[in-house]
Amino acid sequence: MEYTTGAASWQKAMRRAVAALVPGRPRQRRPGWSIGVPMIAAAAGLLFTTTATTAGGTDLREDRRPQLTQLIEDRREQVAASELRAARLRAEVESETAARAGTDGPIKEQQDRALASREAAGFVALAGTGVTVELNDAPTDGPLPKGATNDDLVVHQGDVQAVVNALWAGGAEAMSIMNVRVLSTSAVRCVGNTLLLHGRVYSPPFKIVAIGDPAALQRALADSEGVGLFKQAVDHYQLGYSETVSAVTVPAFEDSTALRSATVPR
């Protein structure tokens, strides 16, 4: 224990009292943002450096649509060239077969059998009375109908399939889509608002032609649930639908006839 004199104790008490009355100097705190700003600046610099390295002098936000359009056009040209080559090879095969059939009995027999089935198989162009159905997207030059989305304003794969199935059910003897002969093995697919058929792409309006009894074909269209739903969309969203009866021509099937699988009918 420390003992002091009375004077010293009095002086200490006075100093403490004065110190209590005079406000002390507040402790200076280092604000958090003074530390965060350098970190943010460093991260931004790293981001800019990475972006410049990745871009390699090009615009990362460059519109790629022209490149995609060119790619599609290149593929179309390749498909067209392949189709011409395939048609030339088919002609050579048919010519060689016909030449051999003159001296080879079994080949002649099989050739006659194939020729007898060409019309039923779709390899012969047909003409007659029939029905033409045309499906089209809604116009895009005006405001959207109330409650509609862009998806409501285009023709879908199911809409085309509904028309095709109804026409087959109505007894169609032959059919074409966009002037391309369709068979039982043809697949109707849509990519966006375009139609993909036998490796080729078509834009709307989609034209479907069927040869057969017009009354039966139109009755089948009227009875089709899918076609009925599309007609409702025509009223609500201004989609295009037309149905006409006239003399029509359906071209022969000209694509590859190779089969991946087949079974013998019993």
Protein backbone atom coordinates (compact mmCIF):
# COMPACT_ATOMS: atom_id res chain seq x y z
CA MET A 1 0.00 0.00 0.00
CA GLU A 2 1.30 3.51 -0.95
CA TYR A 3 0.96 6.36 1.52
CA THR A 4 0.90 9.98 0.29
CA THR A 5 0.68 13.35 1.90
CA GLY A 6 -2.53 15.28 2.05
CA ALA A 7 -1.32 17.92 -0.43
CA ALA A 8 -0.43 15.37 -3.00
CA SER A 9 -3.77 13.66 -2.62
CA TRP A 10 -5.59 16.98 -3.00
CA GLN A 11 -3.67 17.84 -6.17
CA LYS A 12 -4.47 14.46 -7.73
CA ALA A 13 -8.16 14.87 -6.98
CA MET A 14 -8.19 18.32 -8.65
CA ARG A 15 -6.52 16.97 -11.78
CA ARG A 16 -9.05 14.16 -12.00
CA ALA A 17 -11.94 16.58 -11.61
CA VAL A 18 -10.63 18.88 -14.36
CA ALA A 19 -10.04 15.90 -16.64
CA ALA A 20 -13.62 14.79 -16.07
CA LEU A 21 -14.99 18.22 -17.08
CA VAL A 22 -12.88 18.63 -20.24
CA PRO A 23 -14.09 16.35 -23.09
CA GLY A 24 -11.44 13.92 -24.12
CA ARG A 25 -10.24 13.48 -27.64
CA PRO A 26 -12.34 10.79 -29.30
CA ARG A 27 -10.59 7.71 -30.59
CA GLN A 28 -10.20 7.87 -34.34
CA ARG A 29 -11.71 4.83 -36.01
CA ARG A 30 -10.73 3.66 -39.44
CA PRO A 31 -13.92 3.44 -41.48
CA GLY A 32 -14.68 0.11 -43.20
CA TRP A 33 -15.03 1.64 -46.66
CA SER A 34 -11.40 2.77 -46.58
CA ILE A 35 -10.46 -0.91 -46.65
CA GLY A 36 -13.22 -2.03 -49.06
CA VAL A 37 -12.46 0.52 -51.80
CA PRO A 38 -8.95 -0.80 -52.59
CA MET A 39 -10.31 -4.36 -52.66
CA ILE A 40 -13.10 -3.39 -55.07
CA ALA A 41 -10.64 -1.52 -57.28
CA ALA A 42 -8.34 -4.54 -57.38
CA ALA A 43 -11.24 -6.86 -58.29
CA ALA A 44 -12.38 -4.48 -61.04
CA GLY A 45 -8.88 -4.33 -62.46
CA LEU A 46 -8.69 -8.12 -62.49
CA LEU A 47 -12.07 -8.32 -64.25
CA PHE A 48 -11.07 -5.81 -66.92
CA THR A 49 -7.78 -7.63 -67.53
CA THR A 50 -9.55 -11.00 -67.86
CA THR A 51 -12.13 -9.55 -70.27
CA ALA A 52 -9.46 -7.98 -72.46
CA THR A 53 -7.51 -11.24 -72.57
CA THR A 54 -10.62 -13.27 -73.44
CA ALA A 55 -11.76 -10.85 -76.13
CA GLY A 56 -8.36 -10.87 -77.84
CA GLY A 57 -9.10 -7.56 -79.52
CA THR A 58 -12.66 -8.48 -80.55
CA ASP A 59 -16.06 -7.35 -79.29
CA LEU A 60 -17.46 -9.87 -76.83
CA ARG A 61 -20.97 -8.51 -77.42
CA GLU A 62 -20.73 -8.77 -81.18
CA ASP A 63 -23.97 -9.81 -82.85
CA ARG A 64 -23.52 -13.43 -84.00
CA ARG A 65 -26.71 -13.57 -86.06
CA PRO A 66 -25.03 -12.80 -89.40
CA GLN A 67 -22.57 -15.64 -88.76
CA LEU A 68 -25.43 -18.01 -87.90
CA THR A 69 -27.32 -16.97 -91.04
CA GLN A 70 -24.24 -17.64 -93.14
CA LEU A 71 -23.77 -21.03 -91.47
CA ILE A 72 -27.38 -22.00 -92.27
CA GLU A 73 -26.95 -20.86 -95.87
CA ASP A 74 -23.73 -22.88 -96.21
CA ARG A 75 -25.50 -25.99 -94.89
CA ARG A 76 -28.35 -25.47 -97.34
CA GLU A 77 -25.91 -25.32 -100.22
CA GLN A 78 -24.24 -28.50 -98.99
CA VAL A 79 -27.59 -30.27 -98.74
CA ALA A 80 -28.55 -29.10 -102.23
CA ALA A 81 -25.24 -30.34 -103.64
CA SER A 82 -25.67 -33.70 -101.89
CA GLU A 83 -29.19 -34.04 -103.27
CA LEU A 84 -28.00 -33.41 -106.82
CA ARG A 85 -25.26 -35.99 -106.41
CA ALA A 86 -27.73 -38.50 -104.94
CA ALA A 87 -30.15 -37.92 -107.82
CA ARG A 88 -27.36 -38.49 -110.33
CA LEU A 89 -26.32 -41.73 -108.63
CA ARG A 90 -29.93 -42.97 -108.51
CA ALA A 91 -30.25 -42.29 -112.22
CA GLU A 92 -27.07 -44.28 -112.87
CA VAL A 93 -28.35 -47.19 -110.79
CA GLU A 94 -31.69 -47.20 -112.60
CA SER A 95 -29.96 -47.04 -115.97
CA GLU A 96 -27.64 -49.92 -115.11
CA THR A 97 -30.55 -51.95 -113.73
CA ALA A 98 -32.59 -51.41 -116.89
CA ALA A 99 -29.64 -52.46 -119.02
CA ARG A 100 -29.07 -55.66 -117.05
CA ALA A 101 -32.79 -56.46 -116.97
CA GLY A 102 -32.69 -57.00 -120.74
CA THR A 103 -30.51 -60.09 -120.35
CA ASP A 104 -31.05 -61.17 -116.74
CA GLY A 105 -34.42 -62.79 -115.94
CA PRO A 106 -34.36 -62.40 -112.11
CA ILE A 107 -33.42 -58.72 -112.37
CA LYS A 108 -36.21 -58.16 -114.89
CA GLU A 109 -38.68 -59.82 -112.54
CA GLN A 110 -37.68 -57.67 -109.57
CA GLN A 111 -37.69 -54.53 -111.70
CA ASP A 112 -41.25 -55.18 -112.85
CA ARG A 113 -42.27 -55.82 -109.25
CA ALA A 114 -40.72 -52.50 -108.14
CA LEU A 115 -42.34 -50.57 -111.00
CA ALA A 116 -45.76 -51.95 -110.05
CA SER A 117 -45.33 -50.57 -106.52
CA ARG A 118 -43.90 -47.14 -107.41
CA GLU A 119 -47.24 -45.35 -107.47
CA ALA A 120 -48.41 -46.79 -104.18
CA ALA A 121 -45.02 -46.02 -102.62
CA GLY A 122 -45.19 -42.38 -103.67
CA PHE A 123 -42.54 -42.37 -106.41
CA VAL A 124 -44.96 -41.24 -109.12
CA ALA A 125 -46.48 -37.75 -109.37
CA LEU A 126 -50.28 -37.72 -109.11
CA ALA A 127 -52.94 -35.20 -110.11
CA GLY A 128 -56.59 -34.95 -109.18
CA THR A 129 -59.18 -33.10 -107.16
CA GLY A 130 -58.19 -32.40 -103.60
CA VAL A 131 -57.94 -29.97 -100.71
CA THR A 132 -55.26 -27.38 -100.00
CA VAL A 133 -54.78 -26.18 -96.42
CA GLU A 134 -52.55 -23.22 -95.59
CA LEU A 135 -51.36 -22.32 -92.09
CA ASN A 136 -49.68 -19.02 -91.33
CA ASP A 137 -48.30 -17.05 -88.40
CA ALA A 138 -50.16 -14.04 -87.06
CA PRO A 139 -49.12 -10.60 -88.38
CA THR A 140 -46.38 -8.93 -86.34
CA ASP A 141 -46.83 -5.33 -87.48
CA GLY A 142 -49.34 -4.48 -84.76
CA PRO A 143 -49.71 -4.74 -80.99
CA LEU A 144 -50.08 -8.18 -79.42
CA PRO A 145 -53.64 -9.27 -78.66
CA LYS A 146 -54.57 -9.00 -75.01
CA GLY A 147 -53.01 -11.78 -72.96
CA ALA A 148 -51.04 -13.18 -75.92
CA THR A 149 -47.36 -14.09 -76.04
CA ASN A 150 -45.10 -14.48 -79.04
CA ASP A 151 -45.52 -18.24 -78.71
CA ASP A 152 -49.27 -17.86 -79.35
CA LEU A 153 -48.69 -16.12 -82.67
CA VAL A 154 -46.82 -18.83 -84.60
CA VAL A 155 -47.76 -22.15 -86.19
CA HIS A 156 -46.45 -25.08 -84.16
CA GLN A 157 -45.45 -28.61 -85.08
CA GLY A 158 -48.64 -30.00 -83.53
CA ASP A 159 -50.76 -27.74 -85.75
CA VAL A 160 -49.18 -29.07 -88.95
CA GLN A 161 -49.38 -32.64 -87.67
CA ALA A 162 -53.06 -32.20 -86.82
CA VAL A 163 -53.85 -31.18 -90.42
CA VAL A 164 -51.74 -33.97 -91.92
CA ASN A 165 -53.26 -36.64 -89.68
CA ALA A 166 -56.79 -35.41 -90.40
CA LEU A 167 -56.21 -35.55 -94.16
CA TRP A 168 -54.81 -39.09 -93.94
CA ALA A 169 -57.80 -40.07 -91.80
CA GLY A 170 -60.09 -38.53 -94.42
CA GLY A 171 -58.77 -40.91 -97.07
CA ALA A 172 -56.07 -38.85 -98.77
CA GLU A 173 -54.49 -40.79 -101.65
CA ALA A 174 -51.39 -38.61 -101.83
CA MET A 175 -50.08 -35.59 -99.94
CA SER A 176 -47.40 -32.96 -100.11
CA ILE A 177 -46.13 -30.27 -97.72
CA MET A 178 -44.48 -27.23 -99.26
CA ASN A 179 -44.56 -29.11 -102.60
CA VAL A 180 -42.56 -32.01 -101.10
CA ARG A 181 -44.16 -35.45 -101.25
CA VAL A 182 -44.74 -36.95 -97.81
CA LEU A 183 -44.93 -40.66 -97.12
CA SER A 184 -45.78 -42.78 -94.12
CA THR A 185 -42.14 -42.48 -93.06
CA SER A 186 -42.03 -38.68 -93.32
CA ALA A 187 -41.55 -36.79 -90.05
CA VAL A 188 -42.96 -33.31 -89.53
CA ARG A 189 -40.82 -31.26 -87.14
CA CYS A 190 -40.68 -27.58 -86.32
CA VAL A 191 -37.61 -25.60 -85.28
CA GLY A 192 -38.84 -22.32 -83.87
CA ASN A 193 -41.39 -21.11 -86.37
CA THR A 194 -39.82 -22.99 -89.29
CA LEU A 195 -40.67 -26.43 -90.62
CA LEU A 196 -38.03 -29.15 -90.98
CA LEU A 197 -38.94 -31.76 -93.58
CA HIS A 198 -36.55 -34.30 -95.11
CA GLY A 199 -33.53 -32.22 -94.07
CA ARG A 200 -34.81 -28.96 -95.55
CA VAL A 201 -36.13 -25.92 -93.70
CA TYR A 202 -39.29 -24.04 -94.73
CA SER A 203 -40.80 -20.82 -93.45
CA PRO A 204 -44.53 -20.08 -93.09
CA PRO A 205 -47.06 -20.03 -94.59
CA PHE A 206 -47.15 -23.83 -94.63
CA LYS A 207 -49.04 -25.28 -97.59
CA ILE A 208 -50.45 -28.82 -97.35
CA VAL A 209 -52.02 -30.44 -100.42
CA ALA A 210 -53.96 -33.72 -100.40
CA ILE A 211 -55.59 -35.61 -103.27
CA GLY A 212 -58.84 -37.38 -102.42
CA ASP A 213 -62.58 -36.96 -102.01
CA PRO A 214 -62.92 -33.27 -101.07
CA ALA A 215 -66.07 -33.82 -98.97
CA ALA A 216 -64.44 -36.59 -96.94
CA LEU A 217 -61.23 -34.59 -96.48
CA GLN A 218 -63.04 -31.47 -95.31
CA ARG A 219 -65.23 -33.53 -92.99
CA ALA A 220 -62.12 -35.06 -91.42
CA LEU A 221 -60.64 -31.60 -90.94
CA ALA A 222 -63.83 -30.40 -89.27
CA ASP A 223 -63.87 -33.41 -86.94
CA SER A 224 -60.21 -33.06 -85.91
CA GLU A 225 -59.73 -31.79 -82.37
CA GLY A 226 -56.27 -30.42 -83.16
CA VAL A 227 -57.48 -28.52 -86.22
CA GLY A 228 -60.39 -27.18 -84.17
CA LEU A 229 -58.02 -25.82 -81.53
CA PHE A 230 -55.96 -24.10 -84.21
CA LYS A 231 -59.09 -22.50 -85.66
CA GLN A 232 -59.89 -21.12 -82.20
CA ALA A 233 -56.40 -19.63 -82.10
CA VAL A 234 -57.11 -18.11 -85.51
CA ASP A 235 -60.05 -16.22 -84.01
CA HIS A 236 -58.16 -15.14 -80.88
CA TYR A 237 -54.70 -14.35 -82.24
CA GLN A 238 -55.26 -13.67 -85.96
CA LEU A 239 -53.35 -16.74 -87.13
CA GLY A 240 -53.85 -17.71 -90.77
CA TYR A 241 -55.97 -20.67 -91.91
CA SER A 242 -57.41 -21.33 -95.35
CA GLU A 243 -59.02 -24.40 -96.86
CA THR A 244 -59.75 -24.65 -100.59
CA VAL A 245 -60.95 -27.34 -103.01
CA SER A 246 -59.43 -27.47 -106.50
CA ALA A 247 -57.54 -29.59 -109.00
CA VAL A 248 -54.10 -30.19 -107.52
CA THR A 249 -50.85 -31.98 -108.33
CA VAL A 250 -48.67 -33.85 -105.84
CA PRO A 251 -45.04 -34.41 -106.92
CA ALA A 252 -43.21 -37.71 -106.74
CA PHE A 253 -41.02 -38.49 -103.77
CA GLU A 254 -37.42 -37.66 -104.73
CA ASP A 255 -35.42 -38.09 -101.53
CA SER A 256 -33.46 -41.08 -100.28
CA THR A 257 -35.36 -44.35 -100.07
CA ALA A 258 -32.94 -46.05 -97.69
CA LEU A 259 -34.64 -47.79 -94.76
CA ARG A 260 -33.05 -48.17 -91.35
CA SER A 261 -35.48 -50.88 -90.27
CA ALA A 262 -38.37 -52.81 -91.75
CA THR A 263 -40.61 -55.79 -91.05
CA VAL A 264 -42.35 -58.20 -93.39
CA PRO A 265 -46.15 -57.75 -93.29
CA ARG A 266 -48.12 -60.80 -92.17
